[in-house]
Amino acid sequence: MKLELMVNGGLRIEPESDLEWDVLRCIGYDAVTHDLARQLGDGFDEPAGDWQEFVLPELEDTFSGQLQIVREAIEQAAKDDGHLDLLPEDADDWYGALNQARLAIEERFHFALGELRPDDAAERRSAYYRAQFYLDLQQLLLERVMR
């Protein structure tokens, strides 16, 4: 996969194989396994009704909207262009979707408790490398696109 900074401040991603397109599609798949909006409300001192009524619906809409934008951009680019352009105006949605995917992977595999071990199953290894890729992409977005 090639990553290229664009003159307009964006980031171009050029997957070089079907497998690399599948890795990008995993952003959406990984993120939907995690209910981040509900988890963010755990432990607040606010009355549960206020959280449920006012905050949770907006968070859920925001998070699902981010994922939908990212999924559609990936599918459109895979079909038409052969590359994916992450423009500055799209960076917040991409950053949010990547964050959701990373948090979902962390919740499932608990990498913070230790990195990969030699006897880890292929599923855990794959999740680890995806999470690292998402983190690297987030860092590029922060440093080069979200100025």
C-alpha atoms as a PDB file:
ATOM      1  CA  MET A   1       0.000   0.000   0.000  1.00  0.00           C
ATOM      2  CA  LYS A   2       1.359   3.372  -0.983  1.00  0.00           C
ATOM      3  CA  LEU A   3       0.623   6.527   1.000  1.00  0.00           C
ATOM      4  CA  GLU A   4       1.253   9.903  -0.592  1.00  0.00           C
ATOM      5  CA  LEU A   5       0.794  13.426   0.715  1.00  0.00           C
ATOM      6  CA  MET A   6      -1.299  15.511  -1.664  1.00  0.00           C
ATOM      7  CA  VAL A   7      -0.671  19.148  -2.627  1.00  0.00           C
ATOM      8  CA  ASN A   8      -4.145  20.101  -1.319  1.00  0.00           C
ATOM      9  CA  GLY A   9      -3.214  18.861   2.160  1.00  0.00           C
ATOM     10  CA  GLY A  10      -4.851  15.464   1.817  1.00  0.00           C
ATOM     11  CA  LEU A  11      -3.491  11.952   1.903  1.00  0.00           C
ATOM     12  CA  ARG A  12      -3.750   9.510  -1.012  1.00  0.00           C
ATOM     13  CA  ILE A  13      -3.869   5.804  -0.256  1.00  0.00           C
ATOM     14  CA  GLU A  14      -3.089   3.456  -3.140  1.00  0.00           C
ATOM     15  CA  PRO A  15      -3.768  -0.179  -2.287  1.00  0.00           C
ATOM     16  CA  GLU A  16      -1.763  -2.481  -4.529  1.00  0.00           C
ATOM     17  CA  SER A  17      -3.802  -5.663  -4.120  1.00  0.00           C
ATOM     18  CA  ASP A  18      -7.255  -6.949  -3.235  1.00  0.00           C
ATOM     19  CA  LEU A  19      -5.896  -7.910   0.180  1.00  0.00           C
ATOM     20  CA  GLU A  20      -4.938  -4.298   0.875  1.00  0.00           C
ATOM     21  CA  TRP A  21      -8.444  -3.145  -0.083  1.00  0.00           C
ATOM     22  CA  ASP A  22      -9.760  -5.752   2.352  1.00  0.00           C
ATOM     23  CA  VAL A  23      -7.573  -4.306   5.109  1.00  0.00           C
ATOM     24  CA  LEU A  24      -9.176  -0.915   4.501  1.00  0.00           C
ATOM     25  CA  ARG A  25     -12.638  -2.496   4.569  1.00  0.00           C
ATOM     26  CA  CYS A  26     -11.786  -3.978   7.964  1.00  0.00           C
ATOM     27  CA  ILE A  27     -12.013  -0.486   9.469  1.00  0.00           C
ATOM     28  CA  GLY A  28     -15.797  -0.763   9.294  1.00  0.00           C
ATOM     29  CA  TYR A  29     -15.904  -4.421  10.268  1.00  0.00           C
ATOM     30  CA  ASP A  30     -13.688  -3.935  13.306  1.00  0.00           C
ATOM     31  CA  ALA A  31     -15.549  -0.859  14.522  1.00  0.00           C
ATOM     32  CA  VAL A  32     -19.042  -2.367  14.480  1.00  0.00           C
ATOM     33  CA  THR A  33     -18.048  -4.958  17.063  1.00  0.00           C
ATOM     34  CA  HIS A  34     -17.822  -2.234  19.700  1.00  0.00           C
ATOM     35  CA  ASP A  35     -20.508   0.015  21.169  1.00  0.00           C
ATOM     36  CA  LEU A  36     -18.251   2.959  21.903  1.00  0.00           C
ATOM     37  CA  ALA A  37     -21.062   5.444  22.512  1.00  0.00           C
ATOM     38  CA  ARG A  38     -22.543   3.362  25.328  1.00  0.00           C
ATOM     39  CA  GLN A  39     -19.143   2.604  26.815  1.00  0.00           C
ATOM     40  CA  LEU A  40     -18.295   6.299  27.011  1.00  0.00           C
ATOM     41  CA  GLY A  41     -21.280   6.809  29.326  1.00  0.00           C
ATOM     42  CA  ASP A  42     -20.213   4.158  31.818  1.00  0.00           C
ATOM     43  CA  GLY A  43     -19.141   5.667  35.099  1.00  0.00           C
ATOM     44  CA  PHE A  44     -20.571   9.154  34.630  1.00  0.00           C
ATOM     45  CA  ASP A  45     -22.276  10.690  37.627  1.00  0.00           C
ATOM     46  CA  GLU A  46     -25.058  12.108  35.436  1.00  0.00           C
ATOM     47  CA  PRO A  47     -28.473  10.592  35.808  1.00  0.00           C
ATOM     48  CA  ALA A  48     -28.781   7.721  33.347  1.00  0.00           C
ATOM     49  CA  GLY A  49     -31.916   9.229  31.809  1.00  0.00           C
ATOM     50  CA  ASP A  50     -30.119  12.407  30.753  1.00  0.00           C
ATOM     51  CA  TRP A  51     -27.322  10.404  29.139  1.00  0.00           C
ATOM     52  CA  GLN A  52     -29.784   8.102  27.377  1.00  0.00           C
ATOM     53  CA  GLU A  53     -32.003  10.936  26.184  1.00  0.00           C
ATOM     54  CA  PHE A  54     -29.594  13.698  25.184  1.00  0.00           C
ATOM     55  CA  VAL A  55     -26.041  12.462  24.722  1.00  0.00           C
ATOM     56  CA  LEU A  56     -26.192   8.843  23.595  1.00  0.00           C
ATOM     57  CA  PRO A  57     -28.332   9.381  20.460  1.00  0.00           C
ATOM     58  CA  GLU A  58     -26.014  12.121  19.194  1.00  0.00           C
ATOM     59  CA  LEU A  59     -22.894  10.046  19.835  1.00  0.00           C
ATOM     60  CA  GLU A  60     -24.418   7.015  18.124  1.00  0.00           C
ATOM     61  CA  ASP A  61     -25.357   9.138  15.101  1.00  0.00           C
ATOM     62  CA  THR A  62     -21.877  10.654  14.941  1.00  0.00           C
ATOM     63  CA  PHE A  63     -20.089   7.324  15.224  1.00  0.00           C
ATOM     64  CA  SER A  64     -22.305   5.506  12.740  1.00  0.00           C
ATOM     65  CA  GLY A  65     -22.043   8.462  10.360  1.00  0.00           C
ATOM     66  CA  GLN A  66     -18.248   8.336  10.472  1.00  0.00           C
ATOM     67  CA  LEU A  67     -18.256   4.645   9.666  1.00  0.00           C
ATOM     68  CA  GLN A  68     -20.725   5.074   6.829  1.00  0.00           C
ATOM     69  CA  ILE A  69     -18.650   7.837   5.234  1.00  0.00           C
ATOM     70  CA  VAL A  70     -15.493   5.732   5.430  1.00  0.00           C
ATOM     71  CA  ARG A  71     -17.175   2.576   4.102  1.00  0.00           C
ATOM     72  CA  GLU A  72     -18.700   4.439   1.163  1.00  0.00           C
ATOM     73  CA  ALA A  73     -15.424   6.181   0.314  1.00  0.00           C
ATOM     74  CA  ILE A  74     -13.539   2.872   0.316  1.00  0.00           C
ATOM     75  CA  GLU A  75     -16.099   1.095  -1.845  1.00  0.00           C
ATOM     76  CA  GLN A  76     -16.368   3.985  -4.304  1.00  0.00           C
ATOM     77  CA  ALA A  77     -12.592   4.257  -4.633  1.00  0.00           C
ATOM     78  CA  ALA A  78     -12.165   0.498  -5.031  1.00  0.00           C
ATOM     79  CA  LYS A  79     -14.739   0.492  -7.801  1.00  0.00           C
ATOM     80  CA  ASP A  80     -13.695   3.655  -9.658  1.00  0.00           C
ATOM     81  CA  ASP A  81     -10.304   5.087  -8.900  1.00  0.00           C
ATOM     82  CA  GLY A  82      -7.892   2.497  -7.596  1.00  0.00           C
ATOM     83  CA  HIS A  83      -6.856   5.004  -4.960  1.00  0.00           C
ATOM     84  CA  LEU A  84      -8.454   6.685  -2.001  1.00  0.00           C
ATOM     85  CA  ASP A  85      -8.081  10.392  -1.283  1.00  0.00           C
ATOM     86  CA  LEU A  86      -8.496  11.498   2.338  1.00  0.00           C
ATOM     87  CA  LEU A  87      -9.153  15.213   2.082  1.00  0.00           C
ATOM     88  CA  PRO A  88      -8.807  17.646   4.996  1.00  0.00           C
ATOM     89  CA  GLU A  89     -12.589  18.080   5.208  1.00  0.00           C
ATOM     90  CA  ASP A  90     -12.975  14.304   5.628  1.00  0.00           C
ATOM     91  CA  ALA A  91     -10.170  13.863   8.153  1.00  0.00           C
ATOM     92  CA  ASP A  92     -12.347  14.061  11.290  1.00  0.00           C
ATOM     93  CA  ASP A  93     -14.614  11.278  10.029  1.00  0.00           C
ATOM     94  CA  TRP A  94     -11.666   9.099   9.084  1.00  0.00           C
ATOM     95  CA  TYR A  95      -9.902   9.738  12.378  1.00  0.00           C
ATOM     96  CA  GLY A  96     -13.072   8.866  14.294  1.00  0.00           C
ATOM     97  CA  ALA A  97     -13.727   5.674  12.334  1.00  0.00           C
ATOM     98  CA  LEU A  98     -10.126   4.537  12.777  1.00  0.00           C
ATOM     99  CA  ASN A  99     -10.364   5.262  16.485  1.00  0.00           C
ATOM    100  CA  GLN A 100     -13.545   3.222  16.802  1.00  0.00           C
ATOM    101  CA  ALA A 101     -11.879   0.297  15.026  1.00  0.00           C
ATOM    102  CA  ARG A 102      -8.771   0.463  17.224  1.00  0.00           C
ATOM    103  CA  LEU A 103     -10.806   0.622  20.426  1.00  0.00           C
ATOM    104  CA  ALA A 104     -12.910  -2.339  19.336  1.00  0.00           C
ATOM    105  CA  ILE A 105      -9.799  -4.401  18.625  1.00  0.00           C
ATOM    106  CA  GLU A 106      -8.305  -3.414  21.974  1.00  0.00           C
ATOM    107  CA  GLU A 107     -11.469  -4.346  23.822  1.00  0.00           C
ATOM    108  CA  ARG A 108     -11.545  -7.745  22.179  1.00  0.00           C
ATOM    109  CA  PHE A 109      -7.862  -8.699  22.310  1.00  0.00           C
ATOM    110  CA  HIS A 110      -6.442  -6.582  25.170  1.00  0.00           C
ATOM    111  CA  PHE A 111      -3.132  -5.768  23.524  1.00  0.00           C
ATOM    112  CA  ALA A 112      -2.314  -3.273  26.281  1.00  0.00           C
ATOM    113  CA  LEU A 113      -1.791  -6.275  28.555  1.00  0.00           C
ATOM    114  CA  GLY A 114       1.029  -7.419  26.320  1.00  0.00           C
ATOM    115  CA  GLU A 115       1.941  -7.315  22.696  1.00  0.00           C
ATOM    116  CA  LEU A 116       2.015 -10.331  20.455  1.00  0.00           C
ATOM    117  CA  ARG A 117       3.261 -13.632  21.743  1.00  0.00           C
ATOM    118  CA  PRO A 118       4.838 -16.327  19.568  1.00  0.00           C
ATOM    119  CA  ASP A 119       1.914 -18.698  20.147  1.00  0.00           C
ATOM    120  CA  ASP A 120      -0.840 -16.188  19.273  1.00  0.00           C
ATOM    121  CA  ALA A 121      -3.507 -17.350  16.862  1.00  0.00           C
ATOM    122  CA  ALA A 122      -3.654 -15.893  13.344  1.00  0.00           C
ATOM    123  CA  GLU A 123      -6.819 -13.930  14.221  1.00  0.00           C
ATOM    124  CA  ARG A 124      -5.066 -12.128  17.082  1.00  0.00           C
ATOM    125  CA  ARG A 125      -1.977 -11.452  14.976  1.00  0.00           C
ATOM    126  CA  SER A 126      -4.094 -10.022  12.164  1.00  0.00           C
ATOM    127  CA  ALA A 127      -6.008  -7.808  14.599  1.00  0.00           C
ATOM    128  CA  TYR A 128      -2.745  -6.548  16.088  1.00  0.00           C
ATOM    129  CA  TYR A 129      -1.345  -5.529  12.708  1.00  0.00           C
ATOM    130  CA  ARG A 130      -4.615  -3.880  11.679  1.00  0.00           C
ATOM    131  CA  ALA A 131      -4.675  -1.890  14.933  1.00  0.00           C
ATOM    132  CA  GLN A 132      -1.091  -0.763  14.300  1.00  0.00           C
ATOM    133  CA  PHE A 133      -1.985   0.253  10.734  1.00  0.00           C
ATOM    134  CA  TYR A 134      -5.006   2.214  11.989  1.00  0.00           C
ATOM    135  CA  LEU A 135      -2.809   3.957  14.553  1.00  0.00           C
ATOM    136  CA  ASP A 136      -0.209   4.862  11.923  1.00  0.00           C
ATOM    137  CA  LEU A 137      -2.916   6.216   9.638  1.00  0.00           C
ATOM    138  CA  GLN A 138      -4.353   8.275  12.497  1.00  0.00           C
ATOM    139  CA  GLN A 139      -0.921   9.697  13.183  1.00  0.00           C
ATOM    140  CA  LEU A 140      -0.510  10.725   9.541  1.00  0.00           C
ATOM    141  CA  LEU A 141      -3.918  12.349   9.605  1.00  0.00           C
ATOM    142  CA  LEU A 142      -3.015  14.308  12.740  1.00  0.00           C
ATOM    143  CA  GLU A 143       0.405  15.381  11.552  1.00  0.00           C
ATOM    144  CA  ARG A 144      -0.267  16.084   7.883  1.00  0.00           C
ATOM    145  CA  VAL A 145      -3.977  16.504   7.190  1.00  0.00           C
ATOM    146  CA  MET A 146      -5.723  17.832  10.324  1.00  0.00           C
ATOM    147  CA  ARG A 147      -3.662  20.996  10.743  1.00  0.00           C
END
